[in-house]
Amino acid sequence: CSSASATVVSNYGSVNIAAQNGAEIFFDETAQTPYFNYRDSSGRRHQVWFEDARSIQAKMDLVREFGLAGVSFWHIGTYFAQGWEVLTANFLVNKLPSPR
C-alpha cells in the first residue's frame, strides 16, 4: 500500500494542466465528470477529476429527477463561473444572509 497526497487545483487550473501536458480530457459517463491522466517531469502518474458545465448540469438534473427541495454547492478557495451560470439557469437562487 502506498500513500499519496492530493493537491487542490481550480477547474480552470485543471484544464490548463491538461493543455500543458498534452493530456486528453475524457468524460466519464457513469460519474458524469471530466477527468484526465498525465505524467509529470519525474514520471509520476497523476489523475485529475474536475467539474465543468456538463457535470454541474448532471447534478442539477438529479435534483429535478428526485424532486429535491434545494441544492447547495461551493468551491473552497476558487471561483467557478460555469457552476454558478448552470445553477442560476436551472433554479432561482436564494442566498442566505451572512452570519454577523
C-alpha atoms as a PDB file:
ATOM      1  CA  CYS A   1       0.000   0.000   0.000  1.00  0.00           C
ATOM      2  CA  SER A   2       1.408   3.378  -0.937  1.00  0.00           C
ATOM      3  CA  SER A   3       0.434   6.739   0.378  1.00  0.00           C
ATOM      4  CA  ALA A   4      -0.392   9.576  -1.955  1.00  0.00           C
ATOM      5  CA  SER A   5      -1.248  13.173  -1.464  1.00  0.00           C
ATOM      6  CA  ALA A   6      -3.697  15.324  -3.355  1.00  0.00           C
ATOM      7  CA  THR A   7      -3.367  18.897  -4.475  1.00  0.00           C
ATOM      8  CA  VAL A   8      -6.336  21.214  -4.894  1.00  0.00           C
ATOM      9  CA  VAL A   9      -6.491  22.753  -8.348  1.00  0.00           C
ATOM     10  CA  SER A  10      -9.217  25.039  -9.676  1.00  0.00           C
ATOM     11  CA  ASN A  11     -11.426  23.928 -12.547  1.00  0.00           C
ATOM     12  CA  TYR A  12      -9.617  26.285 -14.911  1.00  0.00           C
ATOM     13  CA  GLY A  13      -6.288  25.178 -13.485  1.00  0.00           C
ATOM     14  CA  SER A  14      -7.189  21.578 -14.296  1.00  0.00           C
ATOM     15  CA  VAL A  15      -7.812  22.416 -17.940  1.00  0.00           C
ATOM     16  CA  ASN A  16      -4.523  24.341 -18.061  1.00  0.00           C
ATOM     17  CA  ILE A  17      -2.615  21.355 -16.613  1.00  0.00           C
ATOM     18  CA  ALA A  18      -4.160  19.093 -19.244  1.00  0.00           C
ATOM     19  CA  ALA A  19      -3.172  21.510 -22.023  1.00  0.00           C
ATOM     20  CA  GLN A  20       0.373  21.971 -20.698  1.00  0.00           C
ATOM     21  CA  ASN A  21       0.884  18.202 -20.580  1.00  0.00           C
ATOM     22  CA  GLY A  22      -0.855  17.323 -23.842  1.00  0.00           C
ATOM     23  CA  ALA A  23      -3.390  15.245 -21.920  1.00  0.00           C
ATOM     24  CA  GLU A  24      -6.702  14.340 -23.486  1.00  0.00           C
ATOM     25  CA  ILE A  25      -9.715  15.199 -21.323  1.00  0.00           C
ATOM     26  CA  PHE A  26     -12.279  12.398 -21.103  1.00  0.00           C
ATOM     27  CA  PHE A  27     -15.850  12.438 -19.762  1.00  0.00           C
ATOM     28  CA  ASP A  28     -16.847   9.532 -17.528  1.00  0.00           C
ATOM     29  CA  GLU A  29     -20.480   8.774 -18.409  1.00  0.00           C
ATOM     30  CA  THR A  30     -21.127   6.904 -15.161  1.00  0.00           C
ATOM     31  CA  ALA A  31     -19.724   9.603 -12.866  1.00  0.00           C
ATOM     32  CA  GLN A  32     -20.813  12.360 -15.274  1.00  0.00           C
ATOM     33  CA  THR A  33     -17.492  14.083 -14.618  1.00  0.00           C
ATOM     34  CA  PRO A  34     -14.467  15.048 -16.754  1.00  0.00           C
ATOM     35  CA  TYR A  35     -11.005  13.710 -15.961  1.00  0.00           C
ATOM     36  CA  PHE A  36      -7.565  13.228 -17.450  1.00  0.00           C
ATOM     37  CA  ASN A  37      -4.287  11.460 -16.755  1.00  0.00           C
ATOM     38  CA  TYR A  38      -0.755  12.730 -17.224  1.00  0.00           C
ATOM     39  CA  ARG A  39       2.812  12.090 -16.134  1.00  0.00           C
ATOM     40  CA  ASP A  40       4.853  14.860 -14.546  1.00  0.00           C
ATOM     41  CA  SER A  41       8.507  15.615 -15.312  1.00  0.00           C
ATOM     42  CA  SER A  42       9.550  12.965 -12.760  1.00  0.00           C
ATOM     43  CA  GLY A  43       7.452  10.316 -14.496  1.00  0.00           C
ATOM     44  CA  ARG A  44       4.808  10.161 -11.735  1.00  0.00           C
ATOM     45  CA  ARG A  45       1.304   9.420 -12.974  1.00  0.00           C
ATOM     46  CA  HIS A  46      -1.487  11.818 -11.993  1.00  0.00           C
ATOM     47  CA  GLN A  47      -5.232  11.527 -12.426  1.00  0.00           C
ATOM     48  CA  VAL A  48      -7.294  14.718 -12.255  1.00  0.00           C
ATOM     49  CA  TRP A  49     -11.085  14.821 -11.856  1.00  0.00           C
ATOM     50  CA  PHE A  50     -12.832  18.182 -12.011  1.00  0.00           C
ATOM     51  CA  GLU A  51     -16.179  19.853 -12.597  1.00  0.00           C
ATOM     52  CA  ASP A  52     -17.384  21.543 -15.763  1.00  0.00           C
ATOM     53  CA  ALA A  53     -20.744  22.825 -17.004  1.00  0.00           C
ATOM     54  CA  ARG A  54     -21.767  19.287 -18.100  1.00  0.00           C
ATOM     55  CA  SER A  55     -21.038  17.745 -14.704  1.00  0.00           C
ATOM     56  CA  ILE A  56     -22.841  20.523 -12.830  1.00  0.00           C
ATOM     57  CA  GLN A  57     -25.834  20.175 -15.183  1.00  0.00           C
ATOM     58  CA  ALA A  58     -25.919  16.429 -14.491  1.00  0.00           C
ATOM     59  CA  LYS A  59     -26.195  17.202 -10.782  1.00  0.00           C
ATOM     60  CA  MET A  60     -28.973  19.742 -11.393  1.00  0.00           C
ATOM     61  CA  ASP A  61     -30.806  17.099 -13.456  1.00  0.00           C
ATOM     62  CA  LEU A  62     -30.692  14.770 -10.441  1.00  0.00           C
ATOM     63  CA  VAL A  63     -32.267  17.479  -8.278  1.00  0.00           C
ATOM     64  CA  ARG A  64     -35.213  17.571 -10.676  1.00  0.00           C
ATOM     65  CA  GLU A  65     -35.362  13.789 -11.158  1.00  0.00           C
ATOM     66  CA  PHE A  66     -35.626  13.122  -7.425  1.00  0.00           C
ATOM     67  CA  GLY A  67     -37.744  16.204  -6.632  1.00  0.00           C
ATOM     68  CA  LEU A  68     -35.257  17.572  -4.131  1.00  0.00           C
ATOM     69  CA  ALA A  69     -36.248  20.773  -2.345  1.00  0.00           C
ATOM     70  CA  GLY A  70     -32.938  22.502  -2.942  1.00  0.00           C
ATOM     71  CA  VAL A  71     -29.268  22.303  -3.666  1.00  0.00           C
ATOM     72  CA  SER A  72     -26.096  23.854  -2.373  1.00  0.00           C
ATOM     73  CA  PHE A  73     -22.500  23.725  -3.538  1.00  0.00           C
ATOM     74  CA  TRP A  74     -19.290  25.589  -3.040  1.00  0.00           C
ATOM     75  CA  HIS A  75     -15.717  25.634  -4.238  1.00  0.00           C
ATOM     76  CA  ILE A  76     -13.304  26.334  -1.441  1.00  0.00           C
ATOM     77  CA  GLY A  77     -10.700  28.910  -2.360  1.00  0.00           C
ATOM     78  CA  THR A  78     -11.676  29.164  -6.026  1.00  0.00           C
ATOM     79  CA  TYR A  79     -14.432  30.715  -8.104  1.00  0.00           C
ATOM     80  CA  PHE A  80     -16.159  28.609 -10.743  1.00  0.00           C
ATOM     81  CA  ALA A  81     -18.249  30.843 -13.030  1.00  0.00           C
ATOM     82  CA  GLN A  82     -19.643  27.924 -15.075  1.00  0.00           C
ATOM     83  CA  GLY A  83     -21.064  26.354 -11.934  1.00  0.00           C
ATOM     84  CA  TRP A  84     -22.977  29.467 -10.969  1.00  0.00           C
ATOM     85  CA  GLU A  85     -24.183  30.011 -14.532  1.00  0.00           C
ATOM     86  CA  VAL A  86     -25.593  26.480 -14.703  1.00  0.00           C
ATOM     87  CA  LEU A  87     -27.147  26.765 -11.242  1.00  0.00           C
ATOM     88  CA  THR A  88     -28.882  30.081 -11.963  1.00  0.00           C
ATOM     89  CA  ALA A  89     -30.062  28.848 -15.382  1.00  0.00           C
ATOM     90  CA  ASN A  90     -31.832  25.941 -13.645  1.00  0.00           C
ATOM     91  CA  PHE A  91     -33.117  27.366 -10.373  1.00  0.00           C
ATOM     92  CA  LEU A  92     -33.990  30.536  -8.507  1.00  0.00           C
ATOM     93  CA  VAL A  93     -31.027  31.176  -6.197  1.00  0.00           C
ATOM     94  CA  ASN A  94     -31.750  32.409  -2.672  1.00  0.00           C
ATOM     95  CA  LYS A  95     -28.591  33.300  -0.803  1.00  0.00           C
ATOM     96  CA  LEU A  96     -28.705  33.103   2.963  1.00  0.00           C
ATOM     97  CA  PRO A  97     -27.578  36.211   4.825  1.00  0.00           C
ATOM     98  CA  SER A  98     -24.066  36.084   6.236  1.00  0.00           C
ATOM     99  CA  PRO A  99     -23.894  35.470   9.974  1.00  0.00           C
ATOM    100  CA  ARG A 100     -22.875  38.557  11.907  1.00  0.00           C
END
